[in-house]
Amino acid sequence: MKFVTLRAKTAAGALAATAAALLATATPAHAGTFKVTDNCDVPWINCTEGDLWMLYSSKANAIKDGKYVTSWASFYGNVDDYYGTSQYQGSTLNTYRYVFNGNGSGAGQYVKNNTASVQNCSEADNYRVYFNSGYSGHSQYFKHRESFGDCALINLDSTLKNNNASEHFA
């Protein structure tokens, strides 16, 4: 009996040593996390510039003397989750988090659940901003701007203010 016990211990020790050697020589997959202020800066999203601007502050506090005094982020198209997006590229998981730019109040904050007002600067695209990720829950409609017109700055309604999670073409 002692011979079997000793043999089992030796086998278990060899197995543990082999596993430790494999773990020590294995190359780990590196994950990259990046912060962007425009979803068009994400490599797998095909667009050139965002036309729906999410502003950290409400309309009354966003612009002073014709200049933005709050931070913003811009988006194009459907955004399933304002927290960000991830995708494997080979064995590397790259994650892009959407944050407000460094232009004033709200700089560096996540866009999800931190937006107070919106500007739709598209000449053709209408949008809806949703309470939940995945385009669900309460939403608010934002009409495109008129040709050669200004981008209207509109406050999110009381349900969506600081409770925004996704956007979709409307």
N, C-alpha and C. Protein backbone atom coordinates (compact mmCIF):
# COMPACT_ATOMS: atom_id res chain seq x y z
N MET A 1 0.80 -1.19 0.00
CA MET A 1 0.00 0.00 0.00
C MET A 1 0.85 1.27 0.00
N LYS A 2 1.91 1.24 0.79
CA LYS A 2 2.76 2.42 0.83
C LYS A 2 3.39 2.69 -0.52
N PHE A 3 3.71 1.63 -1.29
CA PHE A 3 4.29 1.79 -2.62
C PHE A 3 3.34 2.51 -3.55
N VAL A 4 2.04 2.19 -3.52
CA VAL A 4 1.03 2.84 -4.36
C VAL A 4 0.88 4.30 -3.94
N THR A 5 0.83 4.57 -2.67
CA THR A 5 0.69 5.93 -2.18
C THR A 5 1.88 6.77 -2.61
N LEU A 6 3.07 6.23 -2.49
CA LEU A 6 4.25 6.95 -2.91
C LEU A 6 4.24 7.19 -4.41
N ARG A 7 3.82 6.20 -5.19
CA ARG A 7 3.72 6.34 -6.65
C ARG A 7 2.70 7.42 -7.02
N ALA A 8 1.54 7.44 -6.34
CA ALA A 8 0.50 8.44 -6.61
C ALA A 8 1.01 9.84 -6.28
N LYS A 9 1.75 9.96 -5.18
CA LYS A 9 2.30 11.27 -4.80
C LYS A 9 3.33 11.73 -5.82
N THR A 10 4.14 10.82 -6.30
CA THR A 10 5.16 11.16 -7.28
C THR A 10 4.51 11.61 -8.59
N ALA A 11 3.47 10.90 -9.02
CA ALA A 11 2.75 11.27 -10.25
C ALA A 11 2.08 12.64 -10.11
N ALA A 12 1.48 12.86 -8.97
CA ALA A 12 0.81 14.15 -8.74
C ALA A 12 1.83 15.28 -8.72
N GLY A 13 2.98 15.04 -8.12
CA GLY A 13 4.04 16.05 -8.10
C GLY A 13 4.57 16.35 -9.49
N ALA A 14 4.73 15.32 -10.30
CA ALA A 14 5.21 15.51 -11.68
C ALA A 14 4.18 16.28 -12.49
N LEU A 15 2.92 15.96 -12.31
CA LEU A 15 1.86 16.66 -13.02
C LEU A 15 1.83 18.14 -12.62
N ALA A 16 1.96 18.42 -11.35
CA ALA A 16 1.97 19.81 -10.89
C ALA A 16 3.18 20.56 -11.44
N ALA A 17 4.32 19.92 -11.48
CA ALA A 17 5.53 20.56 -12.02
C ALA A 17 5.37 20.85 -13.51
N THR A 18 4.77 19.90 -14.24
CA THR A 18 4.54 20.10 -15.67
C THR A 18 3.57 21.26 -15.90
N ALA A 19 2.49 21.31 -15.14
CA ALA A 19 1.51 22.39 -15.27
C ALA A 19 2.16 23.74 -14.97
N ALA A 20 2.98 23.80 -13.94
CA ALA A 20 3.65 25.05 -13.58
C ALA A 20 4.61 25.49 -14.69
N ALA A 21 5.30 24.54 -15.29
CA ALA A 21 6.22 24.87 -16.38
C ALA A 21 5.46 25.40 -17.59
N LEU A 22 4.31 24.80 -17.90
CA LEU A 22 3.50 25.27 -19.02
C LEU A 22 2.97 26.68 -18.77
N LEU A 23 2.52 26.93 -17.56
CA LEU A 23 2.02 28.26 -17.24
C LEU A 23 3.13 29.30 -17.29
N ALA A 24 4.31 28.92 -16.88
CA ALA A 24 5.42 29.87 -16.87
C ALA A 24 5.86 30.22 -18.28
N THR A 25 5.74 29.29 -19.23
CA THR A 25 6.21 29.57 -20.59
C THR A 25 5.10 30.02 -21.52
N ALA A 26 3.85 29.94 -21.10
CA ALA A 26 2.73 30.36 -21.96
C ALA A 26 2.77 31.87 -22.14
N THR A 27 2.46 32.32 -23.33
CA THR A 27 2.40 33.75 -23.62
C THR A 27 0.97 34.24 -23.37
N PRO A 28 0.77 35.14 -22.41
CA PRO A 28 -0.58 35.59 -22.14
C PRO A 28 -1.11 36.51 -23.24
N ALA A 29 -2.42 36.46 -23.45
CA ALA A 29 -3.06 37.38 -24.38
C ALA A 29 -3.17 38.73 -23.69
N HIS A 30 -2.74 39.77 -24.35
CA HIS A 30 -2.80 41.11 -23.77
C HIS A 30 -4.08 41.79 -24.17
N ALA A 31 -4.72 42.41 -23.20
CA ALA A 31 -5.93 43.16 -23.47
C ALA A 31 -5.58 44.64 -23.50
N GLY A 32 -6.16 45.34 -24.44
CA GLY A 32 -5.95 46.78 -24.52
C GLY A 32 -7.24 47.51 -24.24
N THR A 33 -7.19 48.50 -23.37
CA THR A 33 -8.36 49.33 -23.08
C THR A 33 -7.99 50.76 -23.42
N PHE A 34 -8.83 51.37 -24.23
CA PHE A 34 -8.58 52.72 -24.72
C PHE A 34 -9.80 53.59 -24.44
N LYS A 35 -9.58 54.87 -24.26
CA LYS A 35 -10.67 55.82 -24.08
C LYS A 35 -10.74 56.70 -25.32
N VAL A 36 -11.94 56.82 -25.90
CA VAL A 36 -12.14 57.63 -27.09
C VAL A 36 -13.34 58.55 -26.89
N THR A 37 -13.32 59.69 -27.59
CA THR A 37 -14.42 60.65 -27.50
C THR A 37 -15.28 60.63 -28.76
N ASP A 38 -14.98 59.72 -29.67
CA ASP A 38 -15.74 59.61 -30.92
C ASP A 38 -15.73 58.14 -31.32
N ASN A 39 -16.91 57.55 -31.54
CA ASN A 39 -16.93 56.13 -31.90
C ASN A 39 -16.30 55.87 -33.26
N CYS A 40 -16.09 56.89 -34.06
CA CYS A 40 -15.40 56.72 -35.35
C CYS A 40 -13.90 56.47 -35.14
N ASP A 41 -13.40 56.66 -33.92
CA ASP A 41 -12.00 56.37 -33.61
C ASP A 41 -11.78 54.89 -33.28
N VAL A 42 -12.84 54.10 -33.24
CA VAL A 42 -12.74 52.67 -33.00
C VAL A 42 -12.44 52.00 -34.34
N PRO A 43 -11.36 51.21 -34.44
CA PRO A 43 -10.92 50.68 -35.73
C PRO A 43 -11.95 49.86 -36.50
N TRP A 44 -12.82 49.14 -35.84
CA TRP A 44 -13.78 48.29 -36.56
C TRP A 44 -15.11 48.98 -36.85
N ILE A 45 -15.23 50.26 -36.52
CA ILE A 45 -16.43 51.02 -36.86
C ILE A 45 -16.12 51.88 -38.08
N ASN A 46 -16.93 51.72 -39.11
CA ASN A 46 -16.67 52.42 -40.38
C ASN A 46 -17.46 53.73 -40.45
N CYS A 47 -16.80 54.83 -40.15
CA CYS A 47 -17.38 56.16 -40.30
C CYS A 47 -16.23 57.15 -40.27
N THR A 48 -16.51 58.37 -40.61
CA THR A 48 -15.45 59.37 -40.63
C THR A 48 -15.58 60.36 -39.49
N GLU A 49 -16.79 60.68 -39.10
CA GLU A 49 -16.97 61.61 -37.99
C GLU A 49 -18.36 61.43 -37.38
N GLY A 50 -18.42 61.68 -36.10
CA GLY A 50 -19.70 61.59 -35.42
C GLY A 50 -20.54 62.82 -35.67
N ASP A 51 -21.85 62.63 -35.75
CA ASP A 51 -22.71 63.79 -35.98
C ASP A 51 -23.76 63.97 -34.90
N LEU A 52 -23.83 63.04 -33.94
CA LEU A 52 -24.69 63.23 -32.77
C LEU A 52 -23.75 63.51 -31.60
N TRP A 53 -23.83 64.71 -31.09
CA TRP A 53 -22.96 65.13 -30.01
C TRP A 53 -23.67 64.99 -28.68
N MET A 54 -23.03 64.32 -27.75
CA MET A 54 -23.54 64.17 -26.40
C MET A 54 -22.75 65.14 -25.53
N LEU A 55 -23.43 66.02 -24.81
CA LEU A 55 -22.77 67.02 -23.99
C LEU A 55 -22.97 66.72 -22.51
N TYR A 56 -21.93 66.94 -21.74
CA TYR A 56 -21.97 66.64 -20.32
C TYR A 56 -22.95 67.54 -19.57
N SER A 57 -22.99 68.81 -19.93
CA SER A 57 -23.83 69.77 -19.22
C SER A 57 -25.13 70.04 -19.97
N SER A 58 -26.11 70.56 -19.26
CA SER A 58 -27.37 70.94 -19.89
C SER A 58 -27.16 72.19 -20.75
N LYS A 59 -28.15 72.48 -21.56
CA LYS A 59 -28.09 73.57 -22.53
C LYS A 59 -27.67 74.90 -21.89
N ALA A 60 -28.22 75.20 -20.74
CA ALA A 60 -27.94 76.48 -20.08
C ALA A 60 -26.48 76.59 -19.63
N ASN A 61 -25.82 75.46 -19.40
CA ASN A 61 -24.45 75.47 -18.88
C ASN A 61 -23.41 74.97 -19.87
N ALA A 62 -23.81 74.66 -21.09
CA ALA A 62 -22.89 74.06 -22.07
C ALA A 62 -22.10 75.09 -22.86
N ILE A 63 -22.70 76.22 -23.16
CA ILE A 63 -22.07 77.23 -24.00
C ILE A 63 -22.11 78.58 -23.30
N LYS A 64 -20.97 79.28 -23.33
CA LYS A 64 -20.91 80.61 -22.73
C LYS A 64 -20.12 81.50 -23.69
N ASP A 65 -20.68 82.63 -24.02
CA ASP A 65 -20.06 83.58 -24.96
C ASP A 65 -19.69 82.91 -26.28
N GLY A 66 -20.57 82.03 -26.75
CA GLY A 66 -20.38 81.37 -28.03
C GLY A 66 -19.36 80.24 -28.04
N LYS A 67 -18.86 79.85 -26.88
CA LYS A 67 -17.86 78.78 -26.79
C LYS A 67 -18.36 77.67 -25.86
N TYR A 68 -17.99 76.44 -26.20
CA TYR A 68 -18.33 75.32 -25.33
C TYR A 68 -17.53 75.41 -24.04
N VAL A 69 -18.21 75.30 -22.93
CA VAL A 69 -17.56 75.28 -21.62
C VAL A 69 -17.80 73.93 -20.93
N THR A 70 -18.30 73.00 -21.70
CA THR A 70 -18.53 71.65 -21.21
C THR A 70 -17.85 70.67 -22.15
N SER A 71 -17.67 69.47 -21.72
CA SER A 71 -17.07 68.43 -22.55
C SER A 71 -18.15 67.74 -23.37
N TRP A 72 -17.73 67.15 -24.50
CA TRP A 72 -18.66 66.43 -25.36
C TRP A 72 -17.99 65.20 -25.94
N ALA A 73 -18.81 64.34 -26.47
CA ALA A 73 -18.36 63.17 -27.24
C ALA A 73 -19.28 63.09 -28.45
N SER A 74 -18.77 62.56 -29.56
CA SER A 74 -19.59 62.49 -30.77
C SER A 74 -19.68 61.05 -31.27
N PHE A 75 -20.84 60.76 -31.89
CA PHE A 75 -21.14 59.40 -32.31
C PHE A 75 -21.79 59.41 -33.68
N TYR A 76 -21.57 58.33 -34.41
CA TYR A 76 -22.23 58.13 -35.68
C TYR A 76 -22.88 56.76 -35.67
N GLY A 77 -24.13 56.70 -36.12
CA GLY A 77 -24.79 55.41 -36.29
C GLY A 77 -25.36 54.85 -35.01
N ASN A 78 -25.56 53.55 -35.05
CA ASN A 78 -26.13 52.84 -33.91
C ASN A 78 -25.04 52.54 -32.88
N VAL A 79 -25.31 52.89 -31.64
CA VAL A 79 -24.38 52.61 -30.55
C VAL A 79 -25.16 51.82 -29.52
N ASP A 80 -24.84 50.55 -29.41
CA ASP A 80 -25.55 49.62 -28.54
C ASP A 80 -25.38 49.94 -27.06
N ASP A 81 -24.21 50.47 -26.70
CA ASP A 81 -23.92 50.74 -25.29
C ASP A 81 -22.93 51.90 -25.21
N TYR A 82 -23.33 53.00 -24.59
CA TYR A 82 -22.45 54.15 -24.46
C TYR A 82 -21.26 53.89 -23.54
N TYR A 83 -21.24 52.76 -22.84
CA TYR A 83 -20.08 52.44 -22.00
C TYR A 83 -18.88 52.10 -22.87
N GLY A 84 -19.13 51.48 -24.04
CA GLY A 84 -18.03 51.18 -24.94
C GLY A 84 -18.28 49.93 -25.75
N THR A 85 -17.24 49.48 -26.42
CA THR A 85 -17.33 48.31 -27.30
C THR A 85 -16.03 47.53 -27.21
N SER A 86 -16.12 46.22 -27.40
CA SER A 86 -14.95 45.35 -27.35
C SER A 86 -14.97 44.40 -28.53
N GLN A 87 -13.78 43.99 -28.94
CA GLN A 87 -13.66 43.02 -30.02
C GLN A 87 -12.30 42.35 -29.93
N TYR A 88 -12.30 41.03 -30.18
CA TYR A 88 -11.03 40.31 -30.25
C TYR A 88 -10.37 40.61 -31.58
N GLN A 89 -9.09 40.86 -31.55
CA GLN A 89 -8.28 40.98 -32.76
C GLN A 89 -7.15 39.98 -32.58
N GLY A 90 -7.36 38.79 -33.19
CA GLY A 90 -6.47 37.67 -32.91
C GLY A 90 -6.78 37.18 -31.51
N SER A 91 -5.77 37.09 -30.66
CA SER A 91 -5.99 36.66 -29.28
C SER A 91 -6.06 37.83 -28.32
N THR A 92 -6.07 39.03 -28.85
CA THR A 92 -6.09 40.23 -28.01
C THR A 92 -7.49 40.83 -27.99
N LEU A 93 -8.00 41.08 -26.80
CA LEU A 93 -9.28 41.74 -26.64
C LEU A 93 -9.03 43.24 -26.51
N ASN A 94 -9.52 44.01 -27.45
CA ASN A 94 -9.41 45.47 -27.38
C ASN A 94 -10.76 46.04 -26.98
N THR A 95 -10.72 46.93 -26.02
CA THR A 95 -11.93 47.57 -25.50
C THR A 95 -11.77 49.08 -25.63
N TYR A 96 -12.80 49.70 -26.16
CA TYR A 96 -12.83 51.15 -26.31
C TYR A 96 -13.96 51.69 -25.44
N ARG A 97 -13.63 52.54 -24.49
CA ARG A 97 -14.60 53.17 -23.59
C ARG A 97 -14.88 54.58 -24.10
N TYR A 98 -16.16 54.94 -24.12
CA TYR A 98 -16.57 56.26 -24.60
C TYR A 98 -16.57 57.25 -23.44
N VAL A 99 -15.77 58.31 -23.59
CA VAL A 99 -15.65 59.33 -22.55
C VAL A 99 -15.82 60.71 -23.16
N PHE A 100 -16.10 61.69 -22.30
CA PHE A 100 -16.18 63.08 -22.74
C PHE A 100 -14.77 63.64 -22.91
N ASN A 101 -14.61 64.53 -23.91
CA ASN A 101 -13.29 65.12 -24.18
C ASN A 101 -12.87 66.03 -23.03
N GLY A 102 -11.67 66.58 -23.13
CA GLY A 102 -11.12 67.41 -22.07
C GLY A 102 -11.40 68.88 -22.23
N ASN A 103 -12.59 69.24 -22.70
CA ASN A 103 -12.90 70.63 -23.02
C ASN A 103 -13.50 71.42 -21.87
N GLY A 104 -13.78 70.83 -20.76
CA GLY A 104 -14.40 71.57 -19.67
C GLY A 104 -15.03 70.62 -18.67
N SER A 105 -16.15 71.03 -18.09
CA SER A 105 -16.80 70.20 -17.10
C SER A 105 -17.12 68.82 -17.68
N GLY A 106 -16.90 67.80 -16.89
CA GLY A 106 -17.17 66.43 -17.32
C GLY A 106 -16.01 65.76 -18.04
N ALA A 107 -14.90 66.42 -18.20
CA ALA A 107 -13.76 65.85 -18.94
C ALA A 107 -13.36 64.50 -18.37
N GLY A 108 -13.28 63.50 -19.25
CA GLY A 108 -12.85 62.17 -18.86
C GLY A 108 -13.93 61.28 -18.28
N GLN A 109 -15.11 61.84 -18.02
CA GLN A 109 -16.22 61.03 -17.49
C GLN A 109 -16.77 60.12 -18.59
N TYR A 110 -17.31 58.98 -18.20
CA TYR A 110 -17.96 58.10 -19.17
C TYR A 110 -19.23 58.75 -19.70
N VAL A 111 -19.51 58.53 -20.98
CA VAL A 111 -20.70 59.10 -21.61
C VAL A 111 -21.97 58.44 -21.07
N LYS A 112 -21.90 57.13 -20.84
CA LYS A 112 -23.09 56.41 -20.37
C LYS A 112 -23.55 56.96 -19.02
N ASN A 113 -24.81 57.36 -18.98
CA ASN A 113 -25.46 57.87 -17.78
C ASN A 113 -24.85 59.16 -17.25
N ASN A 114 -24.23 59.94 -18.13
CA ASN A 114 -23.65 61.23 -17.73
C ASN A 114 -23.98 62.36 -18.70
N THR A 115 -24.86 62.15 -19.64
CA THR A 115 -25.16 63.17 -20.65
C THR A 115 -26.39 63.98 -20.24
N ALA A 116 -26.31 65.30 -20.45
CA ALA A 116 -27.44 66.17 -20.10
C ALA A 116 -28.10 66.78 -21.33
N SER A 117 -27.33 66.98 -22.43
CA SER A 117 -27.91 67.58 -23.63
C SER A 117 -27.28 66.96 -24.87
N VAL A 118 -27.96 67.18 -26.01
CA VAL A 118 -27.57 66.54 -27.27
C VAL A 118 -27.67 67.55 -28.40
N GLN A 119 -26.75 67.43 -29.38
CA GLN A 119 -26.83 68.18 -30.63
C GLN A 119 -26.78 67.18 -31.77
N ASN A 120 -27.79 67.23 -32.66
CA ASN A 120 -27.75 66.41 -33.86
C ASN A 120 -27.26 67.30 -35.00
N CYS A 121 -26.02 67.09 -35.43
CA CYS A 121 -25.40 67.92 -36.46
C CYS A 121 -25.46 67.28 -37.84
N SER A 122 -26.20 66.19 -37.97
CA SER A 122 -26.32 65.54 -39.28
C SER A 122 -27.31 66.27 -40.16
N GLU A 123 -27.01 66.33 -41.47
CA GLU A 123 -27.96 66.90 -42.42
C GLU A 123 -29.04 65.91 -42.81
N ALA A 124 -28.82 64.61 -42.56
CA ALA A 124 -29.76 63.61 -43.05
C ALA A 124 -30.24 62.61 -42.01
N ASP A 125 -29.46 62.37 -40.97
CA ASP A 125 -29.78 61.29 -40.03
C ASP A 125 -30.53 61.79 -38.80
N ASN A 126 -31.64 61.14 -38.50
CA ASN A 126 -32.36 61.37 -37.26
C ASN A 126 -31.93 60.29 -36.27
N TYR A 127 -31.99 60.60 -34.99
CA TYR A 127 -31.55 59.66 -33.96
C TYR A 127 -32.57 59.56 -32.84
N ARG A 128 -32.49 58.46 -32.11
CA ARG A 128 -33.17 58.28 -30.84
C ARG A 128 -32.12 57.91 -29.81
N VAL A 129 -32.21 58.51 -28.64
CA VAL A 129 -31.36 58.16 -27.50
C VAL A 129 -32.24 57.38 -26.53
N TYR A 130 -31.70 56.26 -26.03
CA TYR A 130 -32.47 55.34 -25.20
C TYR A 130 -31.97 55.28 -23.76
N PHE A 131 -32.89 54.95 -22.88
CA PHE A 131 -32.60 54.80 -21.45
C PHE A 131 -31.71 53.58 -21.19
N ASN A 132 -31.97 52.47 -21.90
CA ASN A 132 -31.24 51.23 -21.68
C ASN A 132 -30.27 50.94 -22.81
N SER A 133 -29.27 50.14 -22.53
CA SER A 133 -28.40 49.61 -23.57
C SER A 133 -29.24 48.70 -24.45
N GLY A 134 -28.82 48.57 -25.71
CA GLY A 134 -29.56 47.69 -26.61
C GLY A 134 -30.82 48.32 -27.17
N TYR A 135 -30.90 49.64 -27.14
CA TYR A 135 -32.02 50.37 -27.78
C TYR A 135 -33.37 50.03 -27.16
N SER A 136 -33.46 50.03 -25.86
CA SER A 136 -34.75 49.73 -25.24
C SER A 136 -35.06 50.74 -24.13
N GLY A 137 -36.29 50.70 -23.71
CA GLY A 137 -36.76 51.61 -22.68
C GLY A 137 -37.18 52.95 -23.28
N HIS A 138 -37.37 53.89 -22.41
CA HIS A 138 -37.77 55.24 -22.81
C HIS A 138 -36.75 55.82 -23.78
N SER A 139 -37.22 56.59 -24.78
CA SER A 139 -36.31 57.20 -25.74
C SER A 139 -36.76 58.61 -26.08
N GLN A 140 -35.85 59.37 -26.66
CA GLN A 140 -36.13 60.73 -27.11
C GLN A 140 -35.62 60.86 -28.54
N TYR A 141 -36.42 61.53 -29.38
CA TYR A 141 -36.13 61.69 -30.81
C TYR A 141 -35.39 63.00 -31.05
N PHE A 142 -34.36 62.94 -31.92
CA PHE A 142 -33.60 64.13 -32.30
C PHE A 142 -33.55 64.22 -33.81
N LYS A 143 -34.23 65.24 -34.35
CA LYS A 143 -34.32 65.46 -35.79
C LYS A 143 -33.00 66.02 -36.31
N HIS A 144 -32.67 65.66 -37.56
CA HIS A 144 -31.46 66.19 -38.19
C HIS A 144 -31.59 67.70 -38.39
N ARG A 145 -30.44 68.35 -38.56
CA ARG A 145 -30.46 69.80 -38.78
C ARG A 145 -30.85 70.08 -40.23
N GLU A 146 -31.33 71.27 -40.45
CA GLU A 146 -31.66 71.70 -41.81
C GLU A 146 -30.37 71.99 -42.58
N SER A 147 -30.41 71.89 -43.89
CA SER A 147 -29.23 72.21 -44.71
C SER A 147 -28.75 73.61 -44.39
N PHE A 148 -27.48 73.75 -44.16
CA PHE A 148 -26.84 75.02 -43.82
C PHE A 148 -27.34 75.61 -42.51
N GLY A 149 -28.07 74.83 -41.74
CA GLY A 149 -28.57 75.31 -40.45
C GLY A 149 -27.62 74.96 -39.32
N ASP A 150 -27.87 75.55 -38.17
CA ASP A 150 -27.08 75.26 -36.98
C ASP A 150 -27.54 73.95 -36.35
N CYS A 151 -26.67 73.37 -35.60
CA CYS A 151 -27.02 72.16 -34.84
C CYS A 151 -27.76 72.59 -33.59
N ALA A 152 -29.01 72.20 -33.48
CA ALA A 152 -29.81 72.59 -32.31
C ALA A 152 -29.32 71.84 -31.07
N LEU A 153 -29.12 72.57 -30.00
CA LEU A 153 -28.74 71.99 -28.72
C LEU A 153 -30.01 71.77 -27.92
N ILE A 154 -30.28 70.52 -27.55
CA ILE A 154 -31.53 70.16 -26.88
C ILE A 154 -31.21 69.38 -25.61
N ASN A 155 -31.85 69.75 -24.52
CA ASN A 155 -31.68 69.00 -23.28
C ASN A 155 -32.35 67.64 -23.40
N LEU A 156 -31.73 66.64 -22.79
CA LEU A 156 -32.40 65.35 -22.65
C LEU A 156 -33.58 65.55 -21.69
N ASP A 157 -34.65 64.82 -21.93
CA ASP A 157 -35.80 64.96 -21.03
C ASP A 157 -35.43 64.43 -19.64
N SER A 158 -36.31 64.66 -18.68
CA SER A 158 -35.99 64.34 -17.28
C SER A 158 -35.75 62.84 -17.06
N THR A 159 -36.32 61.98 -17.87
CA THR A 159 -36.08 60.54 -17.73
C THR A 159 -34.69 60.16 -18.22
N LEU A 160 -34.23 60.79 -19.29
CA LEU A 160 -32.95 60.43 -19.91
C LEU A 160 -31.75 61.21 -19.38
N LYS A 161 -31.97 62.38 -18.79
CA LYS A 161 -30.85 63.18 -18.31
C LYS A 161 -30.04 62.37 -17.31
N ASN A 162 -28.77 62.14 -17.64
CA ASN A 162 -27.87 61.33 -16.84
C ASN A 162 -28.33 59.88 -16.70
N ASN A 163 -29.15 59.43 -17.63
CA ASN A 163 -29.61 58.04 -17.70
C ASN A 163 -29.68 57.59 -19.15
N ASN A 164 -28.67 57.91 -19.91
CA ASN A 164 -28.63 57.57 -21.33
C ASN A 164 -27.72 56.37 -21.53
N ALA A 165 -28.14 55.42 -22.38
CA ALA A 165 -27.33 54.20 -22.51
C ALA A 165 -27.04 53.78 -23.94
N SER A 166 -27.87 54.20 -24.93
CA SER A 166 -27.64 53.79 -26.32
C SER A 166 -28.31 54.76 -27.28
N GLU A 167 -27.95 54.64 -28.58
CA GLU A 167 -28.58 55.46 -29.61
C GLU A 167 -28.79 54.63 -30.86
N HIS A 168 -29.76 55.05 -31.65
CA HIS A 168 -30.10 54.32 -32.88
C HIS A 168 -30.60 55.32 -33.91
N PHE A 169 -30.28 55.02 -35.20
CA PHE A 169 -30.89 55.81 -36.27
C PHE A 169 -32.40 55.77 -36.10
N ALA A 170 -33.07 56.88 -36.32
CA ALA A 170 -34.54 56.90 -36.19
C ALA A 170 -35.16 57.13 -37.55
